[in-house]
């Protein structure tokens, strides 16, 4: 990471994943969960669904919807979040392709269309 000295102290450039920059374990998985949850919460807001109505639509309990809305994602797997997106009428597409550098590990990317 590039570093430079500013007037107020040391500034460190982000790697592109703030969770990894913070040193959190499983930062790639957390980033994927977060991006999926952001899209779910965007849909819930756009559709103006109450937590009770969202719970019925998603097939989960209202407390789980509350946890989702507050980004408390410990009880959600990536797969479960993808299933919830499909319950909201979205298609989830998974593409597998060769990585840019053969010796580097691959990445999981989530992008809303």
C-alpha atoms as a PDB file:
ATOM      1  CA  UNK A   1       0.000   0.000   0.000  1.00  0.00           C
ATOM      2  CA  UNK A   2       1.188   3.458  -0.827  1.00  0.00           C
ATOM      3  CA  UNK A   3       1.916   5.697   2.119  1.00  0.00           C
ATOM      4  CA  UNK A   4       2.598   9.382   2.360  1.00  0.00           C
ATOM      5  CA  UNK A   5       2.944  11.902   5.135  1.00  0.00           C
ATOM      6  CA  UNK A   6       0.244  14.554   5.338  1.00  0.00           C
ATOM      7  CA  UNK A   7       0.080  17.604   7.582  1.00  0.00           C
ATOM      8  CA  UNK A   8      -2.038  15.731  10.130  1.00  0.00           C
ATOM      9  CA  UNK A   9      -0.287  12.358   9.998  1.00  0.00           C
ATOM     10  CA  UNK A  10       0.183   9.207   7.988  1.00  0.00           C
ATOM     11  CA  UNK A  11      -2.319   8.409   5.233  1.00  0.00           C
ATOM     12  CA  UNK A  12      -2.544   4.884   3.952  1.00  0.00           C
ATOM     13  CA  UNK A  13      -4.193   4.042   0.631  1.00  0.00           C
ATOM     14  CA  UNK A  14      -6.998   1.484   0.732  1.00  0.00           C
ATOM     15  CA  UNK A  15      -6.623  -1.938  -0.792  1.00  0.00           C
ATOM     16  CA  UNK A  16     -10.178  -1.609  -2.106  1.00  0.00           C
ATOM     17  CA  UNK A  17     -11.609  -3.699   0.738  1.00  0.00           C
ATOM     18  CA  UNK A  18     -11.952  -1.641   3.906  1.00  0.00           C
ATOM     19  CA  UNK A  19     -12.660  -4.805   5.909  1.00  0.00           C
ATOM     20  CA  UNK A  20      -9.283  -6.250   4.875  1.00  0.00           C
ATOM     21  CA  UNK A  21      -7.645  -2.908   5.632  1.00  0.00           C
ATOM     22  CA  UNK A  22      -9.043  -3.150   9.156  1.00  0.00           C
ATOM     23  CA  UNK A  23      -7.484  -6.597   9.500  1.00  0.00           C
ATOM     24  CA  UNK A  24     -10.766  -8.430   9.947  1.00  0.00           C
ATOM     25  CA  UNK A  25     -10.638 -12.199   9.488  1.00  0.00           C
ATOM     26  CA  UNK A  26     -12.585 -13.528   6.469  1.00  0.00           C
ATOM     27  CA  UNK A  27     -12.716 -10.015   5.020  1.00  0.00           C
ATOM     28  CA  UNK A  28     -13.500 -11.295   1.511  1.00  0.00           C
ATOM     29  CA  UNK A  29     -16.563 -13.196   2.749  1.00  0.00           C
ATOM     30  CA  UNK A  30     -17.663 -10.257   4.891  1.00  0.00           C
ATOM     31  CA  UNK A  31     -17.352  -7.931   1.902  1.00  0.00           C
ATOM     32  CA  UNK A  32     -19.474 -10.281  -0.208  1.00  0.00           C
ATOM     33  CA  UNK A  33     -22.130 -10.531   2.521  1.00  0.00           C
ATOM     34  CA  UNK A  34     -22.152  -6.777   2.943  1.00  0.00           C
ATOM     35  CA  UNK A  35     -22.650  -6.107  -0.766  1.00  0.00           C
ATOM     36  CA  UNK A  36     -25.514  -8.621  -0.932  1.00  0.00           C
ATOM     37  CA  UNK A  37     -27.119  -7.102   2.181  1.00  0.00           C
ATOM     38  CA  UNK A  38     -26.819  -3.592   0.752  1.00  0.00           C
ATOM     39  CA  UNK A  39     -28.796  -4.694  -2.305  1.00  0.00           C
ATOM     40  CA  UNK A  40     -31.420  -6.426  -0.151  1.00  0.00           C
ATOM     41  CA  UNK A  41     -31.829  -3.353   2.036  1.00  0.00           C
ATOM     42  CA  UNK A  42     -32.056  -1.122  -1.041  1.00  0.00           C
ATOM     43  CA  UNK A  43     -34.914  -3.267  -2.359  1.00  0.00           C
ATOM     44  CA  UNK A  44     -36.722  -3.298   0.985  1.00  0.00           C
ATOM     45  CA  UNK A  45     -36.514   0.490   1.109  1.00  0.00           C
ATOM     46  CA  UNK A  46     -37.605   1.021  -2.518  1.00  0.00           C
ATOM     47  CA  UNK A  47     -40.561  -1.316  -2.058  1.00  0.00           C
ATOM     48  CA  UNK A  48     -41.400   0.307   1.297  1.00  0.00           C
ATOM     49  CA  UNK A  49     -41.841  -3.050   2.999  1.00  0.00           C
ATOM     50  CA  UNK A  50     -42.386  -3.224   6.720  1.00  0.00           C
ATOM     51  CA  UNK A  51     -40.220  -5.692   8.587  1.00  0.00           C
ATOM     52  CA  UNK A  52     -43.232  -7.966   9.113  1.00  0.00           C
ATOM     53  CA  UNK A  53     -44.169  -7.901   5.411  1.00  0.00           C
ATOM     54  CA  UNK A  54     -40.534  -8.406   4.387  1.00  0.00           C
ATOM     55  CA  UNK A  55     -40.248 -11.372   6.748  1.00  0.00           C
ATOM     56  CA  UNK A  56     -43.301 -12.985   5.153  1.00  0.00           C
ATOM     57  CA  UNK A  57     -41.989 -12.365   1.638  1.00  0.00           C
ATOM     58  CA  UNK A  58     -38.486 -13.627   2.464  1.00  0.00           C
ATOM     59  CA  UNK A  59     -39.594 -16.585   4.583  1.00  0.00           C
ATOM     60  CA  UNK A  60     -37.619 -15.492   7.631  1.00  0.00           C
ATOM     61  CA  UNK A  61     -38.572 -14.083  11.021  1.00  0.00           C
ATOM     62  CA  UNK A  62     -39.033 -10.361  11.691  1.00  0.00           C
ATOM     63  CA  UNK A  63     -36.007 -10.322  14.050  1.00  0.00           C
ATOM     64  CA  UNK A  64     -33.889 -11.698  11.172  1.00  0.00           C
ATOM     65  CA  UNK A  65     -35.144  -8.860   8.930  1.00  0.00           C
ATOM     66  CA  UNK A  66     -34.185  -6.398  11.676  1.00  0.00           C
ATOM     67  CA  UNK A  67     -30.707  -7.946  11.887  1.00  0.00           C
ATOM     68  CA  UNK A  68     -30.388  -7.688   8.106  1.00  0.00           C
ATOM     69  CA  UNK A  69     -31.496  -4.044   8.089  1.00  0.00           C
ATOM     70  CA  UNK A  70     -28.868  -3.266  10.744  1.00  0.00           C
ATOM     71  CA  UNK A  71     -26.173  -5.246   8.883  1.00  0.00           C
ATOM     72  CA  UNK A  72     -25.796  -7.776  11.687  1.00  0.00           C
ATOM     73  CA  UNK A  73     -24.880 -10.525   9.243  1.00  0.00           C
ATOM     74  CA  UNK A  74     -23.393 -13.184  11.531  1.00  0.00           C
ATOM     75  CA  UNK A  75     -26.502 -15.389  11.112  1.00  0.00           C
ATOM     76  CA  UNK A  76     -26.503 -15.150   7.306  1.00  0.00           C
ATOM     77  CA  UNK A  77     -24.382 -17.118   4.863  1.00  0.00           C
ATOM     78  CA  UNK A  78     -23.560 -15.819   1.402  1.00  0.00           C
ATOM     79  CA  UNK A  79     -25.815 -18.534  -0.022  1.00  0.00           C
ATOM     80  CA  UNK A  80     -28.720 -17.533   2.205  1.00  0.00           C
ATOM     81  CA  UNK A  81     -28.400 -13.871   1.214  1.00  0.00           C
ATOM     82  CA  UNK A  82     -28.460 -14.905  -2.448  1.00  0.00           C
ATOM     83  CA  UNK A  83     -31.606 -16.966  -1.835  1.00  0.00           C
ATOM     84  CA  UNK A  84     -33.226 -13.924  -0.196  1.00  0.00           C
ATOM     85  CA  UNK A  85     -32.395 -11.846  -3.276  1.00  0.00           C
ATOM     86  CA  UNK A  86     -34.106 -14.421  -5.482  1.00  0.00           C
ATOM     87  CA  UNK A  87     -37.134 -14.311  -3.173  1.00  0.00           C
ATOM     88  CA  UNK A  88     -37.266 -10.579  -3.942  1.00  0.00           C
ATOM     89  CA  UNK A  89     -37.497 -11.408  -7.639  1.00  0.00           C
ATOM     90  CA  UNK A  90     -33.870 -10.826  -8.602  1.00  0.00           C
ATOM     91  CA  UNK A  91     -31.622 -13.148 -10.548  1.00  0.00           C
ATOM     92  CA  UNK A  92     -28.242 -13.862  -8.987  1.00  0.00           C
ATOM     93  CA  UNK A  93     -25.543 -14.629 -11.532  1.00  0.00           C
ATOM     94  CA  UNK A  94     -22.282 -16.369 -10.664  1.00  0.00           C
ATOM     95  CA  UNK A  95     -19.501 -16.214 -13.250  1.00  0.00           C
ATOM     96  CA  UNK A  96     -16.267 -18.135 -13.031  1.00  0.00           C
ATOM     97  CA  UNK A  97     -13.309 -16.869 -15.043  1.00  0.00           C
ATOM     98  CA  UNK A  98      -9.542 -17.031 -15.037  1.00  0.00           C
ATOM     99  CA  UNK A  99      -7.807 -14.594 -12.706  1.00  0.00           C
ATOM    100  CA  UNK A 100      -5.516 -11.913 -14.147  1.00  0.00           C
ATOM    101  CA  UNK A 101      -2.434 -13.439 -12.570  1.00  0.00           C
ATOM    102  CA  UNK A 102      -2.073 -17.205 -12.622  1.00  0.00           C
ATOM    103  CA  UNK A 103      -0.139 -17.355  -9.319  1.00  0.00           C
ATOM    104  CA  UNK A 104      -2.444 -15.043  -7.343  1.00  0.00           C
ATOM    105  CA  UNK A 105      -5.542 -16.295  -5.519  1.00  0.00           C
ATOM    106  CA  UNK A 106      -8.914 -15.589  -7.130  1.00  0.00           C
ATOM    107  CA  UNK A 107     -11.522 -13.147  -5.797  1.00  0.00           C
ATOM    108  CA  UNK A 108     -15.251 -13.150  -5.201  1.00  0.00           C
ATOM    109  CA  UNK A 109     -16.913 -10.001  -6.537  1.00  0.00           C
ATOM    110  CA  UNK A 110     -20.489  -8.820  -6.099  1.00  0.00           C
ATOM    111  CA  UNK A 111     -21.863  -6.114  -8.371  1.00  0.00           C
ATOM    112  CA  UNK A 112     -25.476  -4.974  -8.561  1.00  0.00           C
ATOM    113  CA  UNK A 113     -26.707  -4.599 -12.122  1.00  0.00           C
END
